[in-house]
PDB file of N, CA and C in Angstrom:
ATOM      1  N   UNK A   1      13.826 -61.993 135.740  1.00  0.00           N
ATOM      2  CA  UNK A   1      14.746 -62.815 135.229  1.00  0.00           C
ATOM      3  C   UNK A   1      15.466 -62.191 134.345  1.00  0.00           C
ATOM      4  N   UNK A   2      16.655 -62.720 134.081  1.00  0.00           N
ATOM      5  CA  UNK A   2      17.642 -62.299 133.080  1.00  0.00           C
ATOM      6  C   UNK A   2      17.586 -63.343 131.894  1.00  0.00           C
ATOM      7  N   UNK A   3      17.143 -62.760 130.919  1.00  0.00           N
ATOM      8  CA  UNK A   3      16.751 -63.808 129.564  1.00  0.00           C
ATOM      9  C   UNK A   3      17.559 -63.508 128.388  1.00  0.00           C
ATOM     10  N   UNK A   4      18.237 -64.418 127.900  1.00  0.00           N
ATOM     11  CA  UNK A   4      19.019 -64.249 126.694  1.00  0.00           C
ATOM     12  C   UNK A   4      17.956 -65.076 125.431  1.00  0.00           C
ATOM     13  N   UNK A   5      17.623 -63.923 124.550  1.00  0.00           N
ATOM     14  CA  UNK A   5      17.007 -64.359 123.388  1.00  0.00           C
ATOM     15  C   UNK A   5      17.936 -64.611 122.108  1.00  0.00           C
ATOM     16  N   UNK A   6      18.025 -65.949 121.755  1.00  0.00           N
ATOM     17  CA  UNK A   6      18.942 -66.197 120.557  1.00  0.00           C
ATOM     18  C   UNK A   6      18.112 -66.055 119.332  1.00  0.00           C
ATOM     19  N   UNK A   7      18.572 -65.149 118.525  1.00  0.00           N
ATOM     20  CA  UNK A   7      18.021 -64.993 117.306  1.00  0.00           C
ATOM     21  C   UNK A   7      19.001 -64.615 115.998  1.00  0.00           C
ATOM     22  N   UNK A   8      18.432 -64.846 114.833  1.00  0.00           N
ATOM     23  CA  UNK A   8      19.439 -64.865 113.642  1.00  0.00           C
ATOM     24  C   UNK A   8      19.969 -66.077 113.288  1.00  0.00           C
ATOM     25  N   UNK A   9      21.307 -66.112 113.702  1.00  0.00           N
ATOM     26  CA  UNK A   9      22.016 -67.517 113.484  1.00  0.00           C
ATOM     27  C   UNK A   9      22.553 -67.592 112.009  1.00  0.00           C
ATOM     28  N   UNK A  10      22.989 -68.621 111.695  1.00  0.00           N
ATOM     29  CA  UNK A  10      23.496 -68.967 110.292  1.00  0.00           C
ATOM     30  C   UNK A  10      22.742 -69.339 109.480  1.00  0.00           C
ATOM     31  N   UNK A  11      21.557 -69.600 109.612  1.00  0.00           N
ATOM     32  CA  UNK A  11      20.702 -70.534 108.562  1.00  0.00           C
ATOM     33  C   UNK A  11      20.225 -69.603 107.606  1.00  0.00           C
ATOM     34  N   UNK A  12      19.505 -70.152 106.791  1.00  0.00           N
ATOM     35  CA  UNK A  12      19.066 -69.480 105.614  1.00  0.00           C
ATOM     36  C   UNK A  12      17.616 -68.760 106.287  1.00  0.00           C
ATOM     37  N   UNK A  13      17.310 -69.043 107.370  1.00  0.00           N
ATOM     38  CA  UNK A  13      15.877 -68.370 108.058  1.00  0.00           C
ATOM     39  C   UNK A  13      16.240 -67.384 108.879  1.00  0.00           C
ATOM     40  N   UNK A  14      17.681 -66.692 108.827  1.00  0.00           N
ATOM     41  CA  UNK A  14      18.061 -65.850 109.922  1.00  0.00           C
ATOM     42  C   UNK A  14      17.295 -64.634 109.861  1.00  0.00           C
ATOM     43  N   UNK A  15      16.700 -63.945 108.648  1.00  0.00           N
ATOM     44  CA  UNK A  15      15.882 -63.185 108.567  1.00  0.00           C
ATOM     45  C   UNK A  15      14.438 -63.007 109.407  1.00  0.00           C
ATOM     46  N   UNK A  16      14.110 -64.208 109.141  1.00  0.00           N
ATOM     47  CA  UNK A  16      12.597 -64.538 109.883  1.00  0.00           C
ATOM     48  C   UNK A  16      12.999 -64.548 111.374  1.00  0.00           C
ATOM     49  N   UNK A  17      14.057 -65.436 111.765  1.00  0.00           N
ATOM     50  CA  UNK A  17      14.293 -65.410 112.988  1.00  0.00           C
ATOM     51  C   UNK A  17      14.738 -63.978 113.804  1.00  0.00           C
ATOM     52  N   UNK A  18      15.297 -63.169 113.017  1.00  0.00           N
ATOM     53  CA  UNK A  18      15.673 -61.719 113.564  1.00  0.00           C
ATOM     54  C   UNK A  18      14.249 -61.097 113.873  1.00  0.00           C
ATOM     55  N   UNK A  19      13.185 -61.154 113.113  1.00  0.00           N
ATOM     56  CA  UNK A  19      12.178 -60.414 113.058  1.00  0.00           C
ATOM     57  C   UNK A  19      11.179 -61.031 114.496  1.00  0.00           C
ATOM     58  N   UNK A  20      11.254 -62.514 114.541  1.00  0.00           N
ATOM     59  CA  UNK A  20      10.570 -63.007 115.408  1.00  0.00           C
ATOM     60  C   UNK A  20      11.106 -62.838 116.983  1.00  0.00           C
ATOM     61  N   UNK A  21      12.466 -62.881 116.880  1.00  0.00           N
ATOM     62  CA  UNK A  21      13.302 -62.755 118.164  1.00  0.00           C
ATOM     63  C   UNK A  21      13.097 -61.178 118.733  1.00  0.00           C
ATOM     64  N   UNK A  22      12.950 -60.197 117.756  1.00  0.00           N
ATOM     65  CA  UNK A  22      12.956 -58.711 118.220  1.00  0.00           C
ATOM     66  C   UNK A  22      11.449 -58.707 118.750  1.00  0.00           C
ATOM     67  N   UNK A  23      10.527 -59.278 118.329  1.00  0.00           N
ATOM     68  CA  UNK A  23       9.170 -59.383 118.917  1.00  0.00           C
ATOM     69  C   UNK A  23       9.105 -59.903 120.270  1.00  0.00           C
ATOM     70  N   UNK A  24       9.933 -61.068 120.331  1.00  0.00           N
ATOM     71  CA  UNK A  24      10.032 -61.558 121.761  1.00  0.00           C
ATOM     72  C   UNK A  24      10.668 -60.772 122.698  1.00  0.00           C
ATOM     73  N   UNK A  25      11.801 -60.377 122.295  1.00  0.00           N
ATOM     74  CA  UNK A  25      12.762 -59.325 123.210  1.00  0.00           C
ATOM     75  C   UNK A  25      11.850 -58.074 123.488  1.00  0.00           C
ATOM     76  N   UNK A  26      10.904 -57.560 122.709  1.00  0.00           N
ATOM     77  CA  UNK A  26      10.219 -56.514 122.922  1.00  0.00           C
ATOM     78  C   UNK A  26       8.892 -56.909 124.107  1.00  0.00           C
ATOM     79  N   UNK A  27       8.531 -58.020 123.937  1.00  0.00           N
ATOM     80  CA  UNK A  27       7.397 -58.530 124.870  1.00  0.00           C
ATOM     81  C   UNK A  27       7.976 -58.723 126.303  1.00  0.00           C
ATOM     82  N   UNK A  28       9.222 -59.410 126.190  1.00  0.00           N
ATOM     83  CA  UNK A  28       9.905 -59.899 127.575  1.00  0.00           C
ATOM     84  C   UNK A  28      10.279 -58.568 128.272  1.00  0.00           C
ATOM     85  N   UNK A  29      10.753 -57.470 127.648  1.00  0.00           N
ATOM     86  CA  UNK A  29      11.130 -55.980 128.318  1.00  0.00           C
ATOM     87  C   UNK A  29       9.953 -55.611 128.731  1.00  0.00           C
ATOM     88  N   UNK A  30       8.678 -55.583 128.230  1.00  0.00           N
ATOM     89  CA  UNK A  30       7.559 -54.960 128.687  1.00  0.00           C
ATOM     90  C   UNK A  30       7.030 -55.632 130.060  1.00  0.00           C
ATOM     91  N   UNK A  31       7.443 -56.808 129.903  1.00  0.00           N
ATOM     92  CA  UNK A  31       7.059 -57.524 131.214  1.00  0.00           C
ATOM     93  C   UNK A  31       8.219 -57.234 132.479  1.00  0.00           C
ATOM     94  N   UNK A  32       9.293 -56.340 132.020  1.00  0.00           N
ATOM     95  CA  UNK A  32      10.236 -56.279 133.027  1.00  0.00           C
ATOM     96  C   UNK A  32      11.491 -57.060 133.253  1.00  0.00           C
ATOM     97  N   UNK A  33      11.392 -57.700 132.381  1.00  0.00           N
ATOM     98  CA  UNK A  33      12.668 -58.779 132.403  1.00  0.00           C
ATOM     99  C   UNK A  33      13.946 -57.907 131.864  1.00  0.00           C
ATOM    100  N   UNK A  34      15.086 -58.356 132.403  1.00  0.00           N
ATOM    101  CA  UNK A  34      16.571 -58.111 131.742  1.00  0.00           C
ATOM    102  C   UNK A  34      16.629 -59.040 130.468  1.00  0.00           C
ATOM    103  N   UNK A  35      16.744 -58.516 129.384  1.00  0.00           N
ATOM    104  CA  UNK A  35      16.699 -59.333 128.118  1.00  0.00           C
ATOM    105  C   UNK A  35      17.997 -58.883 127.502  1.00  0.00           C
ATOM    106  N   UNK A  36      18.881 -59.648 126.964  1.00  0.00           N
ATOM    107  CA  UNK A  36      20.057 -59.736 126.012  1.00  0.00           C
ATOM    108  C   UNK A  36      19.744 -60.416 124.787  1.00  0.00           C
ATOM    109  N   UNK A  37      20.315 -59.729 123.799  1.00  0.00           N
ATOM    110  CA  UNK A  37      19.901 -60.490 122.200  1.00  0.00           C
ATOM    111  C   UNK A  37      21.153 -61.163 121.857  1.00  0.00           C
ATOM    112  N   UNK A  38      21.372 -62.262 121.499  1.00  0.00           N
ATOM    113  CA  UNK A  38      22.473 -63.089 121.214  1.00  0.00           C
ATOM    114  C   UNK A  38      22.412 -63.603 119.715  1.00  0.00           C
ATOM    115  N   UNK A  39      22.913 -63.109 118.684  1.00  0.00           N
ATOM    116  CA  UNK A  39      23.018 -63.698 117.133  1.00  0.00           C
ATOM    117  C   UNK A  39      24.187 -64.651 117.115  1.00  0.00           C
ATOM    118  N   UNK A  40      23.900 -65.902 117.092  1.00  0.00           N
ATOM    119  CA  UNK A  40      24.924 -66.953 116.931  1.00  0.00           C
ATOM    120  C   UNK A  40      25.330 -67.435 115.663  1.00  0.00           C
ATOM    121  N   UNK A  41      25.962 -66.258 114.840  1.00  0.00           N
ATOM    122  CA  UNK A  41      26.343 -66.447 113.673  1.00  0.00           C
ATOM    123  C   UNK A  41      27.485 -67.515 113.291  1.00  0.00           C
ATOM    124  N   UNK A  42      28.101 -67.465 114.287  1.00  0.00           N
ATOM    125  CA  UNK A  42      29.310 -68.597 114.079  1.00  0.00           C
ATOM    126  C   UNK A  42      29.564 -69.163 115.526  1.00  0.00           C
ATOM    127  N   UNK A  43      30.455 -70.098 115.709  1.00  0.00           N
ATOM    128  CA  UNK A  43      30.804 -70.740 116.804  1.00  0.00           C
ATOM    129  C   UNK A  43      31.434 -70.137 117.852  1.00  0.00           C
ATOM    130  N   UNK A  44      31.689 -68.699 117.741  1.00  0.00           N
ATOM    131  CA  UNK A  44      32.303 -67.988 118.806  1.00  0.00           C
ATOM    132  C   UNK A  44      31.338 -67.480 119.760  1.00  0.00           C
ATOM    133  N   UNK A  45      30.061 -67.585 119.809  1.00  0.00           N
ATOM    134  CA  UNK A  45      29.396 -66.917 120.733  1.00  0.00           C
ATOM    135  C   UNK A  45      29.320 -67.487 122.241  1.00  0.00           C
ATOM    136  N   UNK A  46      28.949 -66.580 123.067  1.00  0.00           N
ATOM    137  CA  UNK A  46      29.014 -66.992 124.404  1.00  0.00           C
ATOM    138  C   UNK A  46      27.721 -66.334 125.168  1.00  0.00           C
ATOM    139  N   UNK A  47      27.249 -66.988 126.169  1.00  0.00           N
ATOM    140  CA  UNK A  47      25.980 -66.457 126.641  1.00  0.00           C
ATOM    141  C   UNK A  47      26.397 -65.157 127.706  1.00  0.00           C
ATOM    142  N   UNK A  48      25.700 -64.410 127.647  1.00  0.00           N
ATOM    143  CA  UNK A  48      26.062 -63.195 128.645  1.00  0.00           C
ATOM    144  C   UNK A  48      25.932 -63.678 130.270  1.00  0.00           C
ATOM    145  N   UNK A  49      26.702 -63.112 131.039  1.00  0.00           N
ATOM    146  CA  UNK A  49      26.780 -63.619 132.417  1.00  0.00           C
ATOM    147  C   UNK A  49      25.414 -63.658 133.104  1.00  0.00           C
ATOM    148  N   UNK A  50      25.009 -64.327 133.914  1.00  0.00           N
ATOM    149  CA  UNK A  50      23.921 -64.511 134.767  1.00  0.00           C
ATOM    150  C   UNK A  50      22.827 -64.665 134.110  1.00  0.00           C
ATOM    151  N   UNK A  51      22.825 -65.356 132.911  1.00  0.00           N
ATOM    152  CA  UNK A  51      21.587 -65.679 132.086  1.00  0.00           C
ATOM    153  C   UNK A  51      20.963 -66.804 132.872  1.00  0.00           C
ATOM    154  N   UNK A  52      19.596 -66.449 133.059  1.00  0.00           N
ATOM    155  CA  UNK A  52      18.775 -67.495 133.896  1.00  0.00           C
ATOM    156  C   UNK A  52      18.163 -68.654 132.935  1.00  0.00           C
ATOM    157  N   UNK A  53      17.669 -68.172 131.620  1.00  0.00           N
ATOM    158  CA  UNK A  53      17.199 -68.961 130.673  1.00  0.00           C
ATOM    159  C   UNK A  53      17.460 -68.384 129.402  1.00  0.00           C
ATOM    160  N   UNK A  54      17.562 -69.407 128.266  1.00  0.00           N
ATOM    161  CA  UNK A  54      17.781 -68.996 126.764  1.00  0.00           C
ATOM    162  C   UNK A  54      16.431 -69.067 126.014  1.00  0.00           C
ATOM    163  N   UNK A  55      15.681 -67.872 125.538  1.00  0.00           N
ATOM    164  CA  UNK A  55      14.753 -68.260 124.625  1.00  0.00           C
ATOM    165  C   UNK A  55      15.243 -68.457 123.330  1.00  0.00           C
ATOM    166  N   UNK A  56      14.820 -69.639 122.678  1.00  0.00           N
ATOM    167  CA  UNK A  56      15.384 -69.778 121.371  1.00  0.00           C
ATOM    168  C   UNK A  56      14.215 -69.391 120.370  1.00  0.00           C
ATOM    169  N   UNK A  57      14.701 -68.289 119.678  1.00  0.00           N
ATOM    170  CA  UNK A  57      13.938 -67.712 118.727  1.00  0.00           C
ATOM    171  C   UNK A  57      14.650 -68.156 117.235  1.00  0.00           C
ATOM    172  N   UNK A  58      15.525 -68.895 117.053  1.00  0.00           N
ATOM    173  CA  UNK A  58      16.237 -69.314 116.075  1.00  0.00           C
ATOM    174  C   UNK A  58      15.365 -70.436 115.051  1.00  0.00           C
ATOM    175  N   UNK A  59      15.494 -70.142 113.798  1.00  0.00           N
ATOM    176  CA  UNK A  59      14.632 -70.842 112.931  1.00  0.00           C
ATOM    177  C   UNK A  59      15.698 -71.615 112.000  1.00  0.00           C
ATOM    178  N   UNK A  60      15.221 -72.966 111.407  1.00  0.00           N
ATOM    179  CA  UNK A  60      15.972 -73.578 110.284  1.00  0.00           C
ATOM    180  C   UNK A  60      17.085 -74.416 110.976  1.00  0.00           C
ATOM    181  N   UNK A  61      17.986 -74.784 110.308  1.00  0.00           N
ATOM    182  CA  UNK A  61      19.049 -75.663 110.752  1.00  0.00           C
ATOM    183  C   UNK A  61      19.848 -74.708 111.703  1.00  0.00           C
ATOM    184  N   UNK A  62      20.331 -75.425 112.632  1.00  0.00           N
ATOM    185  CA  UNK A  62      21.234 -74.955 113.792  1.00  0.00           C
ATOM    186  C   UNK A  62      20.463 -74.526 114.925  1.00  0.00           C
ATOM    187  N   UNK A  63      19.369 -73.930 114.619  1.00  0.00           N
ATOM    188  CA  UNK A  63      18.208 -73.519 115.668  1.00  0.00           C
ATOM    189  C   UNK A  63      17.428 -74.726 116.050  1.00  0.00           C
ATOM    190  N   UNK A  64      17.093 -75.423 115.149  1.00  0.00           N
ATOM    191  CA  UNK A  64      15.995 -76.212 115.098  1.00  0.00           C
ATOM    192  C   UNK A  64      16.343 -77.758 114.860  1.00  0.00           C
ATOM    193  N   UNK A  65      17.554 -78.067 114.552  1.00  0.00           N
ATOM    194  CA  UNK A  65      18.137 -79.209 114.322  1.00  0.00           C
ATOM    195  C   UNK A  65      18.941 -79.900 115.549  1.00  0.00           C
ATOM    196  N   UNK A  66      18.825 -79.245 116.552  1.00  0.00           N
ATOM    197  CA  UNK A  66      19.418 -79.989 117.679  1.00  0.00           C
ATOM    198  C   UNK A  66      21.088 -79.323 117.889  1.00  0.00           C
ATOM    199  N   UNK A  67      21.718 -78.430 117.157  1.00  0.00           N
ATOM    200  CA  UNK A  67      22.718 -78.138 117.242  1.00  0.00           C
ATOM    201  C   UNK A  67      23.152 -77.256 118.316  1.00  0.00           C
ATOM    202  N   UNK A  68      22.290 -76.146 118.550  1.00  0.00           N
ATOM    203  CA  UNK A  68      22.435 -75.258 119.454  1.00  0.00           C
ATOM    204  C   UNK A  68      21.947 -75.818 120.909  1.00  0.00           C
ATOM    205  N   UNK A  69      20.893 -76.753 120.524  1.00  0.00           N
ATOM    206  CA  UNK A  69      20.458 -77.380 121.989  1.00  0.00           C
ATOM    207  C   UNK A  69      21.636 -78.110 122.652  1.00  0.00           C
ATOM    208  N   UNK A  70      22.549 -79.006 121.878  1.00  0.00           N
ATOM    209  CA  UNK A  70      23.726 -79.637 122.233  1.00  0.00           C
ATOM    210  C   UNK A  70      24.667 -78.712 122.939  1.00  0.00           C
ATOM    211  N   UNK A  71      24.768 -77.720 122.239  1.00  0.00           N
ATOM    212  CA  UNK A  71      25.675 -76.677 123.020  1.00  0.00           C
ATOM    213  C   UNK A  71      25.270 -76.132 124.174  1.00  0.00           C
ATOM    214  N   UNK A  72      24.136 -75.835 124.105  1.00  0.00           N
ATOM    215  CA  UNK A  72      23.349 -75.421 125.511  1.00  0.00           C
ATOM    216  C   UNK A  72      23.543 -76.301 126.425  1.00  0.00           C
ATOM    217  N   UNK A  73      23.121 -77.426 126.165  1.00  0.00           N
ATOM    218  CA  UNK A  73      23.252 -78.769 127.199  1.00  0.00           C
ATOM    219  C   UNK A  73      24.629 -78.677 127.777  1.00  0.00           C
ATOM    220  N   UNK A  74      25.703 -78.659 127.070  1.00  0.00           N
ATOM    221  CA  UNK A  74      27.031 -78.726 127.581  1.00  0.00           C
ATOM    222  C   UNK A  74      27.294 -77.485 128.408  1.00  0.00           C
ATOM    223  N   UNK A  75      26.698 -76.414 128.294  1.00  0.00           N
ATOM    224  CA  UNK A  75      27.115 -75.253 129.004  1.00  0.00           C
ATOM    225  C   UNK A  75      26.078 -75.468 130.343  1.00  0.00           C
ATOM    226  N   UNK A  76      25.283 -76.347 130.330  1.00  0.00           N
ATOM    227  CA  UNK A  76      24.393 -76.469 131.597  1.00  0.00           C
ATOM    228  C   UNK A  76      23.253 -75.379 131.717  1.00  0.00           C
ATOM    229  N   UNK A  77      22.808 -74.729 130.309  1.00  0.00           N
ATOM    230  CA  UNK A  77      21.787 -73.789 130.222  1.00  0.00           C
ATOM    231  C   UNK A  77      20.517 -74.341 130.327  1.00  0.00           C
ATOM    232  N   UNK A  78      19.517 -73.504 130.871  1.00  0.00           N
ATOM    233  CA  UNK A  78      18.198 -73.693 130.603  1.00  0.00           C
ATOM    234  C   UNK A  78      17.602 -73.170 129.394  1.00  0.00           C
ATOM    235  N   UNK A  79      17.037 -73.678 128.537  1.00  0.00           N
ATOM    236  CA  UNK A  79      16.328 -73.049 127.564  1.00  0.00           C
ATOM    237  C   UNK A  79      15.013 -73.481 126.862  1.00  0.00           C
ATOM    238  N   UNK A  80      14.362 -72.790 126.187  1.00  0.00           N
ATOM    239  CA  UNK A  80      12.939 -73.086 125.750  1.00  0.00           C
ATOM    240  C   UNK A  80      12.926 -74.058 124.488  1.00  0.00           C
ATOM    241  N   UNK A  81      11.863 -74.603 124.455  1.00  0.00           N
ATOM    242  CA  UNK A  81      11.875 -75.570 123.203  1.00  0.00           C
ATOM    243  C   UNK A  81      12.210 -77.029 123.390  1.00  0.00           C
ATOM    244  N   UNK A  82      12.433 -77.571 122.114  1.00  0.00           N
ATOM    245  CA  UNK A  82      12.740 -79.083 122.414  1.00  0.00           C
ATOM    246  C   UNK A  82      14.304 -79.383 122.717  1.00  0.00           C
ATOM    247  N   UNK A  83      14.486 -80.521 123.241  1.00  0.00           N
ATOM    248  CA  UNK A  83      15.811 -80.817 123.536  1.00  0.00           C
ATOM    249  C   UNK A  83      16.648 -81.299 122.351  1.00  0.00           C
ATOM    250  N   UNK A  84      17.887 -81.656 122.619  1.00  0.00           N
ATOM    251  CA  UNK A  84      18.825 -81.838 121.481  1.00  0.00           C
ATOM    252  C   UNK A  84      18.492 -83.026 120.675  1.00  0.00           C
ATOM    253  N   UNK A  85      17.524 -84.139 121.335  1.00  0.00           N
ATOM    254  CA  UNK A  85      17.473 -85.231 120.752  1.00  0.00           C
ATOM    255  C   UNK A  85      15.954 -84.825 119.985  1.00  0.00           C
ATOM    256  N   UNK A  86      15.276 -84.298 120.467  1.00  0.00           N
ATOM    257  CA  UNK A  86      13.755 -84.181 119.872  1.00  0.00           C
ATOM    258  C   UNK A  86      13.726 -83.247 118.750  1.00  0.00           C
ATOM    259  N   UNK A  87      14.658 -82.253 118.755  1.00  0.00           N
ATOM    260  CA  UNK A  87      14.673 -81.133 117.773  1.00  0.00           C
ATOM    261  C   UNK A  87      14.786 -81.669 116.337  1.00  0.00           C
ATOM    262  N   UNK A  88      15.768 -82.526 115.935  1.00  0.00           N
ATOM    263  CA  UNK A  88      15.979 -82.853 114.809  1.00  0.00           C
ATOM    264  C   UNK A  88      14.601 -83.763 114.311  1.00  0.00           C
ATOM    265  N   UNK A  89      14.124 -84.594 115.089  1.00  0.00           N
ATOM    266  CA  UNK A  89      12.925 -85.351 114.887  1.00  0.00           C
ATOM    267  C   UNK A  89      11.926 -84.416 114.489  1.00  0.00           C
ATOM    268  N   UNK A  90      11.660 -83.481 115.330  1.00  0.00           N
ATOM    269  CA  UNK A  90      10.463 -82.601 114.767  1.00  0.00           C
ATOM    270  C   UNK A  90      10.724 -81.727 113.613  1.00  0.00           C
ATOM    271  N   UNK A  91      11.949 -81.242 113.313  1.00  0.00           N
ATOM    272  CA  UNK A  91      12.384 -80.707 112.050  1.00  0.00           C
ATOM    273  C   UNK A  91      12.150 -81.608 111.037  1.00  0.00           C
ATOM    274  N   UNK A  92      12.439 -82.759 111.024  1.00  0.00           N
ATOM    275  CA  UNK A  92      12.443 -83.789 110.049  1.00  0.00           C
ATOM    276  C   UNK A  92      10.753 -83.814 109.689  1.00  0.00           C
ATOM    277  N   UNK A  93      10.133 -84.195 110.846  1.00  0.00           N
ATOM    278  CA  UNK A  93       8.748 -84.615 110.534  1.00  0.00           C
ATOM    279  C   UNK A  93       7.878 -83.406 109.986  1.00  0.00           C
ATOM    280  N   UNK A  94       8.281 -82.303 110.403  1.00  0.00           N
ATOM    281  CA  UNK A  94       7.483 -80.937 109.637  1.00  0.00           C
ATOM    282  C   UNK A  94       7.899 -80.684 108.410  1.00  0.00           C
ATOM    283  N   UNK A  95       9.104 -81.183 107.749  1.00  0.00           N
ATOM    284  CA  UNK A  95       9.556 -81.190 106.499  1.00  0.00           C
ATOM    285  C   UNK A  95       8.807 -82.114 105.642  1.00  0.00           C
ATOM    286  N   UNK A  96       8.509 -83.330 106.146  1.00  0.00           N
ATOM    287  CA  UNK A  96       7.796 -84.203 105.527  1.00  0.00           C
ATOM    288  C   UNK A  96       6.359 -84.178 105.665  1.00  0.00           C
ATOM    289  N   UNK A  97       5.913 -83.737 104.604  1.00  0.00           N
ATOM    290  CA  UNK A  97       4.388 -83.444 104.702  1.00  0.00           C
ATOM    291  C   UNK A  97       3.488 -84.689 104.863  1.00  0.00           C
ATOM    292  N   UNK A  98       4.041 -85.847 104.264  1.00  0.00           N
ATOM    293  CA  UNK A  98       3.267 -86.972 104.353  1.00  0.00           C
ATOM    294  C   UNK A  98       3.178 -87.527 105.692  1.00  0.00           C
ATOM    295  N   UNK A  99       3.919 -87.118 106.723  1.00  0.00           N
ATOM    296  CA  UNK A  99       3.684 -87.517 107.953  1.00  0.00           C
ATOM    297  C   UNK A  99       2.891 -86.503 108.795  1.00  0.00           C
ATOM    298  N   UNK A 100       2.359 -85.486 108.176  1.00  0.00           N
ATOM    299  CA  UNK A 100       1.589 -84.527 108.937  1.00  0.00           C
ATOM    300  C   UNK A 100       0.282 -84.995 108.302  1.00  0.00           C
ATOM    301  N   UNK A 101      -0.814 -85.010 109.407  1.00  0.00           N
ATOM    302  CA  UNK A 101      -2.073 -85.366 109.125  1.00  0.00           C
ATOM    303  C   UNK A 101      -3.052 -84.666 109.619  1.00  0.00           C
TER     304      UNK A 101
END
């Protein structure tokens, strides 16, 4: 498969995302996949040609609030994780310790 790993990004959690994304890239390559790394620091990013699936290794806002998911939906891309509607709900619930039981 041709997999694009999105890592880093514009959020305050970019450093953590770069580390976890690098681990994902290493694992996917060890399994024989063609892997591209994409750091969407600003809105000018584009997916590499022939991307079969996008692995989201983005943390925090932008990567977990539905923003990148909405853009990927517009591109018709297949991606891992929650969709654009579920992502912000999950992010809010995780931040609200009272809702976690």
